[in-house]
C-alpha atoms as a PDB file:
ATOM      1  CA  UNK A   1      96.179 108.671 127.661  1.00  0.00           C
ATOM      2  CA  UNK A   2      98.053 105.412 127.240  1.00  0.00           C
ATOM      3  CA  UNK A   3      95.783 102.432 127.940  1.00  0.00           C
ATOM      4  CA  UNK A   4      92.612 104.434 127.296  1.00  0.00           C
ATOM      5  CA  UNK A   5      89.807 102.316 125.840  1.00  0.00           C
ATOM      6  CA  UNK A   6      88.397 104.086 122.766  1.00  0.00           C
ATOM      7  CA  UNK A   7      85.887 101.393 121.799  1.00  0.00           C
ATOM      8  CA  UNK A   8      82.763 103.485 122.450  1.00  0.00           C
ATOM      9  CA  UNK A   9      84.240 106.548 120.753  1.00  0.00           C
ATOM     10  CA  UNK A  10      85.517 104.831 117.593  1.00  0.00           C
ATOM     11  CA  UNK A  11      82.886 102.128 117.102  1.00  0.00           C
ATOM     12  CA  UNK A  12      85.144  99.058 117.345  1.00  0.00           C
ATOM     13  CA  UNK A  13      87.500  97.672 119.965  1.00  0.00           C
ATOM     14  CA  UNK A  14      90.434 100.094 120.196  1.00  0.00           C
ATOM     15  CA  UNK A  15      92.970 101.061 122.876  1.00  0.00           C
ATOM     16  CA  UNK A  16      95.683 103.765 122.943  1.00  0.00           C
ATOM     17  CA  UNK A  17      99.053 102.003 123.140  1.00  0.00           C
ATOM     18  CA  UNK A  18     101.520 104.840 122.558  1.00  0.00           C
ATOM     19  CA  UNK A  19     101.489 108.636 122.637  1.00  0.00           C
ATOM     20  CA  UNK A  20     103.494 111.305 120.805  1.00  0.00           C
ATOM     21  CA  UNK A  21     106.880 111.919 122.400  1.00  0.00           C
ATOM     22  CA  UNK A  22     110.057 110.119 123.410  1.00  0.00           C
ATOM     23  CA  UNK A  23     109.715 106.413 124.065  1.00  0.00           C
ATOM     24  CA  UNK A  24     111.512 103.093 123.861  1.00  0.00           C
ATOM     25  CA  UNK A  25     111.343 101.926 120.246  1.00  0.00           C
ATOM     26  CA  UNK A  26     109.117  98.805 120.285  1.00  0.00           C
ATOM     27  CA  UNK A  27     110.985  97.183 117.380  1.00  0.00           C
ATOM     28  CA  UNK A  28     114.661  97.927 118.172  1.00  0.00           C
ATOM     29  CA  UNK A  29     114.412  98.450 121.950  1.00  0.00           C
ATOM     30  CA  UNK A  30     116.423 101.690 121.674  1.00  0.00           C
ATOM     31  CA  UNK A  31     115.468 104.314 124.253  1.00  0.00           C
ATOM     32  CA  UNK A  32     114.798 108.001 123.670  1.00  0.00           C
ATOM     33  CA  UNK A  33     113.311 107.603 120.190  1.00  0.00           C
ATOM     34  CA  UNK A  34     110.789 110.291 119.220  1.00  0.00           C
ATOM     35  CA  UNK A  35     107.379 108.936 118.235  1.00  0.00           C
ATOM     36  CA  UNK A  36     105.465 111.446 116.111  1.00  0.00           C
ATOM     37  CA  UNK A  37     101.966 110.046 116.470  1.00  0.00           C
ATOM     38  CA  UNK A  38      99.386 108.275 118.572  1.00  0.00           C
ATOM     39  CA  UNK A  39      99.104 104.502 118.216  1.00  0.00           C
ATOM     40  CA  UNK A  40      95.685 102.906 118.614  1.00  0.00           C
ATOM     41  CA  UNK A  41      95.634  99.100 118.785  1.00  0.00           C
ATOM     42  CA  UNK A  42      92.706  97.561 116.927  1.00  0.00           C
ATOM     43  CA  UNK A  43      91.884  94.535 114.811  1.00  0.00           C
ATOM     44  CA  UNK A  44      93.175  94.166 111.265  1.00  0.00           C
ATOM     45  CA  UNK A  45      90.507  94.628 108.603  1.00  0.00           C
ATOM     46  CA  UNK A  46      88.449  97.458 110.114  1.00  0.00           C
ATOM     47  CA  UNK A  47      87.278 100.180 107.737  1.00  0.00           C
ATOM     48  CA  UNK A  48      88.485 103.694 108.623  1.00  0.00           C
ATOM     49  CA  UNK A  49      86.331 106.774 107.988  1.00  0.00           C
ATOM     50  CA  UNK A  50      86.182 110.268 109.456  1.00  0.00           C
ATOM     51  CA  UNK A  51      83.183 112.033 110.975  1.00  0.00           C
ATOM     52  CA  UNK A  52      83.987 115.090 108.808  1.00  0.00           C
ATOM     53  CA  UNK A  53      84.653 115.645 105.115  1.00  0.00           C
ATOM     54  CA  UNK A  54      88.282 115.405 104.041  1.00  0.00           C
ATOM     55  CA  UNK A  55      90.419 115.371 100.918  1.00  0.00           C
ATOM     56  CA  UNK A  56      93.040 112.797 100.006  1.00  0.00           C
ATOM     57  CA  UNK A  57      96.445 114.508  99.931  1.00  0.00           C
ATOM     58  CA  UNK A  58      98.382 111.404  98.964  1.00  0.00           C
ATOM     59  CA  UNK A  59      99.043 107.776  99.692  1.00  0.00           C
ATOM     60  CA  UNK A  60     101.877 105.337  99.186  1.00  0.00           C
ATOM     61  CA  UNK A  61     103.536 102.192 100.415  1.00  0.00           C
ATOM     62  CA  UNK A  62     106.419 103.450 102.523  1.00  0.00           C
ATOM     63  CA  UNK A  63     109.110 100.793 102.898  1.00  0.00           C
ATOM     64  CA  UNK A  64     110.953 102.727 105.622  1.00  0.00           C
ATOM     65  CA  UNK A  65     108.297 102.295 108.271  1.00  0.00           C
ATOM     66  CA  UNK A  66     104.741 103.488 107.632  1.00  0.00           C
ATOM     67  CA  UNK A  67     103.642 100.647 105.335  1.00  0.00           C
ATOM     68  CA  UNK A  68     100.431 101.614 103.541  1.00  0.00           C
ATOM     69  CA  UNK A  69     100.017 105.266 104.503  1.00  0.00           C
ATOM     70  CA  UNK A  70      97.397 107.842 103.525  1.00  0.00           C
ATOM     71  CA  UNK A  71      97.354 111.587 104.240  1.00  0.00           C
ATOM     72  CA  UNK A  72      94.060 113.485 104.370  1.00  0.00           C
ATOM     73  CA  UNK A  73      93.345 117.211 104.697  1.00  0.00           C
ATOM     74  CA  UNK A  74      90.470 118.273 106.973  1.00  0.00           C
ATOM     75  CA  UNK A  75      89.669 121.756 105.686  1.00  0.00           C
ATOM     76  CA  UNK A  76      87.216 122.762 108.413  1.00  0.00           C
ATOM     77  CA  UNK A  77      89.843 122.084 111.085  1.00  0.00           C
ATOM     78  CA  UNK A  78      92.941 123.181 109.145  1.00  0.00           C
ATOM     79  CA  UNK A  79      94.756 119.913 109.801  1.00  0.00           C
ATOM     80  CA  UNK A  80      96.383 117.189 107.770  1.00  0.00           C
ATOM     81  CA  UNK A  81      96.048 113.721 109.283  1.00  0.00           C
ATOM     82  CA  UNK A  82      98.288 110.773 108.461  1.00  0.00           C
ATOM     83  CA  UNK A  83      97.067 107.194 108.897  1.00  0.00           C
ATOM     84  CA  UNK A  84      99.819 104.569 108.724  1.00  0.00           C
ATOM     85  CA  UNK A  85     100.237 100.766 108.868  1.00  0.00           C
ATOM     86  CA  UNK A  86      96.994 100.180 106.927  1.00  0.00           C
ATOM     87  CA  UNK A  87      96.406  96.891 105.121  1.00  0.00           C
ATOM     88  CA  UNK A  88      94.812  98.711 102.173  1.00  0.00           C
ATOM     89  CA  UNK A  89      94.010 102.206 100.885  1.00  0.00           C
ATOM     90  CA  UNK A  90      90.526 102.414  99.337  1.00  0.00           C
ATOM     91  CA  UNK A  91      90.484 105.860  97.713  1.00  0.00           C
ATOM     92  CA  UNK A  92      91.739 106.073  94.155  1.00  0.00           C
ATOM     93  CA  UNK A  93      93.621 109.363  93.809  1.00  0.00           C
ATOM     94  CA  UNK A  94      95.054 112.452  95.457  1.00  0.00           C
ATOM     95  CA  UNK A  95      92.691 115.421  95.392  1.00  0.00           C
ATOM     96  CA  UNK A  96      89.631 113.219  95.798  1.00  0.00           C
ATOM     97  CA  UNK A  97      87.046 114.492  98.286  1.00  0.00           C
ATOM     98  CA  UNK A  98      85.955 111.957 100.874  1.00  0.00           C
ATOM     99  CA  UNK A  99      82.536 112.735 102.380  1.00  0.00           C
ATOM    100  CA  UNK A 100      82.074 112.273 106.140  1.00  0.00           C
ATOM    101  CA  UNK A 101      81.377 108.643 106.961  1.00  0.00           C
ATOM    102  CA  UNK A 102      83.110 107.230 103.858  1.00  0.00           C
ATOM    103  CA  UNK A 103      85.768 104.549 104.336  1.00  0.00           C
ATOM    104  CA  UNK A 104      89.164 105.466 102.879  1.00  0.00           C
ATOM    105  CA  UNK A 105      91.479 102.802 104.341  1.00  0.00           C
ATOM    106  CA  UNK A 106      91.492  99.441 106.126  1.00  0.00           C
ATOM    107  CA  UNK A 107      93.422  98.904 109.369  1.00  0.00           C
ATOM    108  CA  UNK A 108      96.448  96.662 109.290  1.00  0.00           C
ATOM    109  CA  UNK A 109      99.964  95.850 110.366  1.00  0.00           C
ATOM    110  CA  UNK A 110     102.134  96.893 107.399  1.00  0.00           C
ATOM    111  CA  UNK A 111     105.537  98.527 107.605  1.00  0.00           C
ATOM    112  CA  UNK A 112     107.599  98.758 110.777  1.00  0.00           C
ATOM    113  CA  UNK A 113     104.964  97.592 113.235  1.00  0.00           C
ATOM    114  CA  UNK A 114     104.636  95.139 116.117  1.00  0.00           C
ATOM    115  CA  UNK A 115     100.892  94.520 115.748  1.00  0.00           C
ATOM    116  CA  UNK A 116      97.728  95.801 114.065  1.00  0.00           C
ATOM    117  CA  UNK A 117      97.017  99.429 114.876  1.00  0.00           C
ATOM    118  CA  UNK A 118      96.321 102.914 113.568  1.00  0.00           C
ATOM    119  CA  UNK A 119      99.263 105.301 113.703  1.00  0.00           C
ATOM    120  CA  UNK A 120      97.793 108.827 113.597  1.00  0.00           C
ATOM    121  CA  UNK A 121      99.808 112.016 113.042  1.00  0.00           C
ATOM    122  CA  UNK A 122      98.632 115.630 112.669  1.00  0.00           C
ATOM    123  CA  UNK A 123     100.151 118.631 110.928  1.00  0.00           C
ATOM    124  CA  UNK A 124      99.014 122.213 110.365  1.00  0.00           C
ATOM    125  CA  UNK A 125     100.072 122.098 106.706  1.00  0.00           C
ATOM    126  CA  UNK A 126     100.744 119.511 104.045  1.00  0.00           C
ATOM    127  CA  UNK A 127     104.051 117.744 104.567  1.00  0.00           C
ATOM    128  CA  UNK A 128     106.090 115.213 102.665  1.00  0.00           C
ATOM    129  CA  UNK A 129     108.798 114.567 105.256  1.00  0.00           C
ATOM    130  CA  UNK A 130     109.900 115.728 108.668  1.00  0.00           C
ATOM    131  CA  UNK A 131     108.143 115.716 111.998  1.00  0.00           C
ATOM    132  CA  UNK A 132     104.494 116.802 112.096  1.00  0.00           C
ATOM    133  CA  UNK A 133     103.946 119.941 114.179  1.00  0.00           C
ATOM    134  CA  UNK A 134     100.710 119.110 116.026  1.00  0.00           C
ATOM    135  CA  UNK A 135      99.673 116.733 118.790  1.00  0.00           C
ATOM    136  CA  UNK A 136      97.260 114.248 117.148  1.00  0.00           C
ATOM    137  CA  UNK A 137      95.243 113.323 120.270  1.00  0.00           C
ATOM    138  CA  UNK A 138      92.489 115.949 119.753  1.00  0.00           C
ATOM    139  CA  UNK A 139      91.698 114.436 116.337  1.00  0.00           C
ATOM    140  CA  UNK A 140      91.220 110.824 117.475  1.00  0.00           C
ATOM    141  CA  UNK A 141      87.509 111.499 118.062  1.00  0.00           C
ATOM    142  CA  UNK A 142      87.082 112.190 114.324  1.00  0.00           C
ATOM    143  CA  UNK A 143      87.790 108.532 113.506  1.00  0.00           C
ATOM    144  CA  UNK A 144      85.026 105.992 112.870  1.00  0.00           C
ATOM    145  CA  UNK A 145      85.831 102.289 112.644  1.00  0.00           C
ATOM    146  CA  UNK A 146      83.521  99.632 111.245  1.00  0.00           C
ATOM    147  CA  UNK A 147      83.608  95.975 110.245  1.00  0.00           C
ATOM    148  CA  UNK A 148      81.752  96.891 107.031  1.00  0.00           C
ATOM    149  CA  UNK A 149      82.617  99.486 104.412  1.00  0.00           C
ATOM    150  CA  UNK A 150      80.967 102.858 105.000  1.00  0.00           C
ATOM    151  CA  UNK A 151      79.778 104.793 101.948  1.00  0.00           C
ATOM    152  CA  UNK A 152      79.101 108.222 103.401  1.00  0.00           C
ATOM    153  CA  UNK A 153      75.867 109.630 104.626  1.00  0.00           C
ATOM    154  CA  UNK A 154      72.668 110.885 103.102  1.00  0.00           C
ATOM    155  CA  UNK A 155      70.694 113.440 105.124  1.00  0.00           C
ATOM    156  CA  UNK A 156      72.793 112.707 108.201  1.00  0.00           C
ATOM    157  CA  UNK A 157      72.423 108.918 107.971  1.00  0.00           C
ATOM    158  CA  UNK A 158      75.537 106.949 106.953  1.00  0.00           C
ATOM    159  CA  UNK A 159      75.177 104.292 104.255  1.00  0.00           C
ATOM    160  CA  UNK A 160      76.721 101.042 105.500  1.00  0.00           C
ATOM    161  CA  UNK A 161      77.450  98.379 102.881  1.00  0.00           C
ATOM    162  CA  UNK A 162      77.746  94.710 103.739  1.00  0.00           C
ATOM    163  CA  UNK A 163      78.907  91.739 101.687  1.00  0.00           C
ATOM    164  CA  UNK A 164      76.985  90.783  98.598  1.00  0.00           C
ATOM    165  CA  UNK A 165      76.058  94.353  97.737  1.00  0.00           C
ATOM    166  CA  UNK A 166      73.254  94.528 100.286  1.00  0.00           C
ATOM    167  CA  UNK A 167      72.917  97.917 101.969  1.00  0.00           C
ATOM    168  CA  UNK A 168      71.144  99.030 105.071  1.00  0.00           C
ATOM    169  CA  UNK A 169      70.811 102.438 106.664  1.00  0.00           C
ATOM    170  CA  UNK A 170      72.001 102.777 110.236  1.00  0.00           C
ATOM    171  CA  UNK A 171      71.369 105.875 112.324  1.00  0.00           C
ATOM    172  CA  UNK A 172      74.606 107.857 112.809  1.00  0.00           C
ATOM    173  CA  UNK A 173      76.307 108.354 116.146  1.00  0.00           C
END
């Protein structure tokens, strides 16, 4: 729900600021604009990973609104997730498998945005344009945020990398 604190669930300070549905456009002020995702306010520079394996469908810099956007396919759930307004995409190419717990993007404020946040959309199939056909809220719990880059997990323990190439193992949630 709007205003819900997701800090404990996602691993970094995060609050739901907007839900899917009609709303007043925060940039133009126009009413009745359809918002196709869930917005989660968070700091710029957090690393985004998922708690499940996924595959990169595509990524781009979208000048019309999304900024740095990446689409991932979660096979075990049959859903494509879109993450928009990132400051950077970390994964190199479409078709690349991203193991659970591996960072694939960094939160930001790019594109048509009023502040740093994650814009999350969900679709039952791959899409290139149009409105996604699923409510994204059930997939928010798949997201993991961290101040350091996450490099996946070995035997259920994620590998967390800090600056300077030092690594330490931290027990998973």
